[in-house]
């Protein structure tokens, strides 16, 4: 199954589509410095098939490309970020690194 993810800023959400039909979304609110993910939903008939993961991965990659950070209020986005440490740097709650050479 091929999942296409697109940002729909006028609806404040990323939408996941399969064969042109919207099957899920990740709602957000954007500020000047971060994107707050508030709720994620996937069509129940497609749960467990990777749609939610693809949706959140693409959304986080998009946010990274904008140079913003993420405040994951949504439990699904929180869980995804915990399971995928490559996105830990986007977490707004994470203290900045103080490591120096």
N, C-alpha and C. Protein backbone atom coordinates (compact mmCIF):
# COMPACT_ATOMS: atom_id res chain seq x y z
N UNK A 1 0.85 -1.18 0.00
CA UNK A 1 0.00 0.00 0.00
C UNK A 1 0.89 1.24 0.00
N UNK A 2 0.59 2.16 -0.88
CA UNK A 2 1.33 3.41 -0.98
C UNK A 2 0.54 4.53 -0.31
N UNK A 3 1.18 5.18 0.67
CA UNK A 3 0.55 6.26 1.42
C UNK A 3 1.18 7.58 0.99
N UNK A 4 0.35 8.52 0.55
CA UNK A 4 0.82 9.85 0.21
C UNK A 4 0.43 10.78 1.36
N UNK A 5 1.40 11.58 1.80
CA UNK A 5 1.17 12.51 2.90
C UNK A 5 1.39 13.92 2.39
N UNK A 6 0.46 14.80 2.72
CA UNK A 6 0.55 16.19 2.29
C UNK A 6 0.15 17.11 3.43
N UNK A 7 0.85 18.24 3.53
CA UNK A 7 0.50 19.27 4.51
C UNK A 7 -0.66 20.08 3.94
N UNK A 8 -1.69 20.27 4.75
CA UNK A 8 -2.85 21.07 4.35
C UNK A 8 -2.96 22.20 5.39
N UNK A 9 -2.16 23.26 5.23
CA UNK A 9 -2.09 24.31 6.26
C UNK A 9 -3.41 25.01 6.54
N UNK A 10 -4.27 25.15 5.53
CA UNK A 10 -5.55 25.83 5.76
C UNK A 10 -6.46 25.01 6.68
N UNK A 11 -6.19 23.70 6.80
CA UNK A 11 -6.95 22.84 7.72
C UNK A 11 -6.13 22.49 8.95
N UNK A 12 -4.91 23.01 9.02
CA UNK A 12 -3.97 22.76 10.11
C UNK A 12 -3.80 21.26 10.37
N UNK A 13 -3.46 20.54 9.32
CA UNK A 13 -3.23 19.12 9.48
C UNK A 13 -2.47 18.54 8.29
N UNK A 14 -1.80 17.44 8.56
CA UNK A 14 -1.21 16.63 7.51
C UNK A 14 -2.24 15.55 7.21
N UNK A 15 -2.43 15.26 5.93
CA UNK A 15 -3.39 14.24 5.55
C UNK A 15 -2.66 13.09 4.86
N UNK A 16 -3.10 11.87 5.18
CA UNK A 16 -2.59 10.67 4.53
C UNK A 16 -3.66 10.17 3.58
N UNK A 17 -3.26 9.86 2.36
CA UNK A 17 -4.21 9.37 1.36
C UNK A 17 -3.70 8.05 0.77
N UNK A 18 -4.64 7.18 0.47
CA UNK A 18 -4.37 5.92 -0.24
C UNK A 18 -5.29 5.90 -1.44
N UNK A 19 -4.73 5.75 -2.61
CA UNK A 19 -5.50 5.76 -3.86
C UNK A 19 -6.38 7.01 -3.97
N UNK A 20 -5.84 8.15 -3.53
CA UNK A 20 -6.54 9.42 -3.65
C UNK A 20 -7.57 9.71 -2.57
N UNK A 21 -7.84 8.74 -1.69
CA UNK A 21 -8.83 8.95 -0.62
C UNK A 21 -8.11 9.23 0.70
N UNK A 22 -8.54 10.28 1.40
CA UNK A 22 -7.95 10.62 2.69
C UNK A 22 -8.35 9.55 3.70
N UNK A 23 -7.34 8.94 4.33
CA UNK A 23 -7.58 7.86 5.28
C UNK A 23 -7.05 8.16 6.67
N UNK A 24 -6.47 9.34 6.84
CA UNK A 24 -5.95 9.71 8.15
C UNK A 24 -5.44 11.12 8.15
N UNK A 25 -5.24 11.65 9.36
CA UNK A 25 -4.70 12.99 9.49
C UNK A 25 -3.98 13.15 10.82
N UNK A 26 -3.07 14.11 10.84
CA UNK A 26 -2.38 14.53 12.06
C UNK A 26 -2.61 16.03 12.19
N UNK A 27 -3.45 16.40 13.15
CA UNK A 27 -3.79 17.81 13.37
C UNK A 27 -2.67 18.51 14.13
N UNK A 28 -2.47 19.78 13.80
CA UNK A 28 -1.42 20.54 14.46
C UNK A 28 -1.80 22.01 14.59
N UNK A 29 -1.05 22.68 15.43
CA UNK A 29 -1.08 24.13 15.52
C UNK A 29 0.36 24.59 15.37
N UNK A 30 0.56 25.62 14.57
CA UNK A 30 1.92 26.08 14.29
C UNK A 30 2.14 27.45 14.91
N UNK A 31 3.30 27.60 15.53
CA UNK A 31 3.73 28.90 16.04
C UNK A 31 5.01 29.28 15.28
N UNK A 32 5.59 30.39 15.64
CA UNK A 32 6.81 30.84 14.96
C UNK A 32 7.97 29.88 15.16
N UNK A 33 7.99 29.16 16.28
CA UNK A 33 9.14 28.31 16.57
C UNK A 33 8.85 26.82 16.65
N UNK A 34 7.58 26.43 16.64
CA UNK A 34 7.30 25.01 16.76
C UNK A 34 5.95 24.62 16.18
N UNK A 35 5.78 23.30 16.03
CA UNK A 35 4.53 22.72 15.57
C UNK A 35 4.03 21.83 16.70
N UNK A 36 2.81 22.10 17.17
CA UNK A 36 2.19 21.33 18.24
C UNK A 36 1.25 20.31 17.61
N UNK A 37 1.60 19.02 17.72
CA UNK A 37 0.72 17.97 17.20
C UNK A 37 -0.30 17.64 18.28
N UNK A 38 -1.59 17.81 17.94
CA UNK A 38 -2.65 17.68 18.94
C UNK A 38 -3.47 16.39 18.82
N UNK A 39 -3.57 15.83 17.63
CA UNK A 39 -4.43 14.65 17.46
C UNK A 39 -4.09 13.96 16.15
N UNK A 40 -4.07 12.63 16.19
CA UNK A 40 -3.85 11.83 14.98
C UNK A 40 -4.96 10.80 14.88
N UNK A 41 -5.44 10.61 13.67
CA UNK A 41 -6.53 9.67 13.44
C UNK A 41 -6.29 8.93 12.13
N UNK A 42 -6.58 7.63 12.13
CA UNK A 42 -6.47 6.81 10.93
C UNK A 42 -7.76 6.01 10.81
N UNK A 43 -8.22 5.83 9.58
CA UNK A 43 -9.42 5.02 9.33
C UNK A 43 -9.25 3.67 10.04
N UNK A 44 -10.22 3.29 10.87
CA UNK A 44 -10.10 2.04 11.63
C UNK A 44 -9.84 0.81 10.77
N UNK A 45 -10.32 0.79 9.55
CA UNK A 45 -10.11 -0.38 8.69
C UNK A 45 -8.65 -0.51 8.25
N UNK A 46 -7.84 0.55 8.45
CA UNK A 46 -6.44 0.52 8.04
C UNK A 46 -5.47 0.54 9.21
N UNK A 47 -6.00 0.53 10.44
CA UNK A 47 -5.13 0.55 11.61
C UNK A 47 -4.22 -0.68 11.61
N UNK A 48 -2.99 -0.48 12.03
CA UNK A 48 -2.03 -1.57 12.09
C UNK A 48 -1.37 -1.90 10.76
N UNK A 49 -1.62 -1.08 9.74
CA UNK A 49 -1.05 -1.33 8.42
C UNK A 49 0.01 -0.31 8.03
N UNK A 50 0.46 0.48 8.99
CA UNK A 50 1.55 1.41 8.73
C UNK A 50 1.14 2.79 8.26
N UNK A 51 -0.15 3.05 8.17
CA UNK A 51 -0.60 4.37 7.69
C UNK A 51 -0.23 5.45 8.70
N UNK A 52 -0.50 5.20 9.98
CA UNK A 52 -0.18 6.19 11.01
C UNK A 52 1.30 6.48 11.09
N UNK A 53 2.11 5.43 11.01
CA UNK A 53 3.56 5.62 11.05
C UNK A 53 4.06 6.42 9.87
N UNK A 54 3.55 6.12 8.67
CA UNK A 54 3.95 6.87 7.48
C UNK A 54 3.52 8.33 7.60
N UNK A 55 2.34 8.55 8.12
CA UNK A 55 1.81 9.90 8.29
C UNK A 55 2.69 10.71 9.22
N UNK A 56 3.00 10.16 10.38
CA UNK A 56 3.81 10.90 11.36
C UNK A 56 5.24 11.07 10.87
N UNK A 57 5.81 10.05 10.26
CA UNK A 57 7.18 10.16 9.75
C UNK A 57 7.29 11.30 8.73
N UNK A 58 6.37 11.33 7.78
CA UNK A 58 6.39 12.38 6.76
C UNK A 58 6.15 13.76 7.37
N UNK A 59 5.25 13.83 8.34
CA UNK A 59 4.96 15.11 9.00
C UNK A 59 6.20 15.61 9.74
N UNK A 60 6.86 14.72 10.48
CA UNK A 60 8.07 15.12 11.21
C UNK A 60 9.19 15.52 10.27
N UNK A 61 9.34 14.80 9.17
CA UNK A 61 10.36 15.17 8.18
C UNK A 61 10.07 16.57 7.60
N UNK A 62 8.80 16.85 7.37
CA UNK A 62 8.41 18.16 6.84
C UNK A 62 8.75 19.26 7.85
N UNK A 63 8.42 19.02 9.12
CA UNK A 63 8.72 20.00 10.17
C UNK A 63 10.22 20.22 10.27
N UNK A 64 10.99 19.14 10.20
CA UNK A 64 12.46 19.26 10.24
C UNK A 64 12.95 20.12 9.08
N UNK A 65 12.37 19.92 7.90
CA UNK A 65 12.75 20.71 6.74
C UNK A 65 12.47 22.19 6.89
N UNK A 66 11.48 22.52 7.71
CA UNK A 66 11.15 23.92 7.98
C UNK A 66 12.05 24.53 9.05
N UNK A 67 12.86 23.69 9.70
CA UNK A 67 13.74 24.16 10.77
C UNK A 67 13.01 24.44 12.07
N UNK A 68 11.86 23.79 12.27
CA UNK A 68 11.07 23.99 13.49
C UNK A 68 11.20 22.78 14.40
N UNK A 69 10.68 22.92 15.62
CA UNK A 69 10.66 21.82 16.58
C UNK A 69 9.23 21.38 16.81
N UNK A 70 9.05 20.30 17.55
CA UNK A 70 7.74 19.67 17.74
C UNK A 70 7.40 19.58 19.22
N UNK A 71 6.16 19.90 19.53
CA UNK A 71 5.61 19.64 20.87
C UNK A 71 4.54 18.57 20.66
N UNK A 72 4.84 17.30 20.98
CA UNK A 72 3.91 16.22 20.70
C UNK A 72 2.89 16.02 21.83
N UNK A 73 1.77 16.71 21.74
CA UNK A 73 0.68 16.54 22.70
C UNK A 73 -0.07 15.24 22.39
N UNK A 74 -0.20 14.92 21.14
CA UNK A 74 -0.89 13.70 20.69
C UNK A 74 -0.12 12.46 21.17
N UNK A 75 -0.80 11.53 21.86
CA UNK A 75 -0.11 10.33 22.34
C UNK A 75 0.51 9.49 21.23
N UNK A 76 -0.11 9.45 20.06
CA UNK A 76 0.45 8.66 18.96
C UNK A 76 1.78 9.27 18.49
N UNK A 77 1.83 10.58 18.35
CA UNK A 77 3.07 11.25 17.92
C UNK A 77 4.13 11.10 19.01
N UNK A 78 3.74 11.23 20.28
CA UNK A 78 4.69 11.03 21.39
C UNK A 78 5.29 9.64 21.32
N UNK A 79 4.45 8.64 21.15
CA UNK A 79 4.90 7.26 21.10
C UNK A 79 5.82 7.02 19.90
N UNK A 80 5.45 7.57 18.75
CA UNK A 80 6.28 7.42 17.56
C UNK A 80 7.66 8.01 17.79
N UNK A 81 7.72 9.20 18.37
CA UNK A 81 9.00 9.84 18.60
C UNK A 81 9.84 9.07 19.62
N UNK A 82 9.20 8.45 20.59
CA UNK A 82 9.92 7.64 21.57
C UNK A 82 10.52 6.40 20.91
N UNK A 83 9.76 5.78 20.01
CA UNK A 83 10.22 4.58 19.33
C UNK A 83 11.24 4.87 18.22
N UNK A 84 11.32 6.12 17.79
CA UNK A 84 12.24 6.49 16.71
C UNK A 84 13.15 7.63 17.18
N UNK A 85 14.23 7.28 17.85
CA UNK A 85 15.12 8.29 18.44
C UNK A 85 15.74 9.25 17.43
N UNK A 86 15.67 8.91 16.14
CA UNK A 86 16.21 9.83 15.13
C UNK A 86 15.41 11.13 15.07
N UNK A 87 14.25 11.17 15.74
CA UNK A 87 13.45 12.40 15.79
C UNK A 87 13.55 13.11 17.14
N UNK A 88 14.37 12.59 18.06
CA UNK A 88 14.48 13.18 19.40
C UNK A 88 14.92 14.64 19.36
N UNK A 89 15.73 15.00 18.38
CA UNK A 89 16.21 16.38 18.29
C UNK A 89 15.09 17.38 17.99
N UNK A 90 13.96 16.88 17.48
CA UNK A 90 12.84 17.77 17.17
C UNK A 90 11.98 18.09 18.39
N UNK A 91 12.12 17.30 19.45
CA UNK A 91 11.24 17.44 20.62
C UNK A 91 11.53 18.74 21.35
N UNK A 92 10.54 19.61 21.37
CA UNK A 92 10.66 20.92 22.01
C UNK A 92 10.96 20.80 23.50
N UNK A 93 10.52 19.71 24.13
CA UNK A 93 10.72 19.53 25.57
C UNK A 93 12.12 19.09 25.92
N UNK A 94 12.87 18.65 24.92
CA UNK A 94 14.23 18.16 25.16
C UNK A 94 15.17 19.35 25.35
N UNK A 95 15.95 19.34 26.42
CA UNK A 95 16.87 20.46 26.63
C UNK A 95 17.94 20.50 25.55
N UNK A 96 18.37 21.68 25.16
CA UNK A 96 19.41 21.79 24.13
C UNK A 96 20.73 21.19 24.62
N UNK A 97 21.49 20.67 23.71
CA UNK A 97 22.78 20.08 24.05
C UNK A 97 23.75 21.16 24.53
N UNK A 98 24.54 20.81 25.53
CA UNK A 98 25.57 21.73 26.03
C UNK A 98 26.97 21.16 25.76
N UNK A 99 27.03 20.18 24.88
CA UNK A 99 28.30 19.52 24.56
C UNK A 99 29.15 20.47 23.71
N UNK A 100 30.40 20.57 24.04
CA UNK A 100 31.35 21.36 23.27
C UNK A 100 32.59 20.54 22.98
N UNK A 101 33.30 20.94 21.96
CA UNK A 101 34.56 20.25 21.62
C UNK A 101 35.70 20.85 22.39
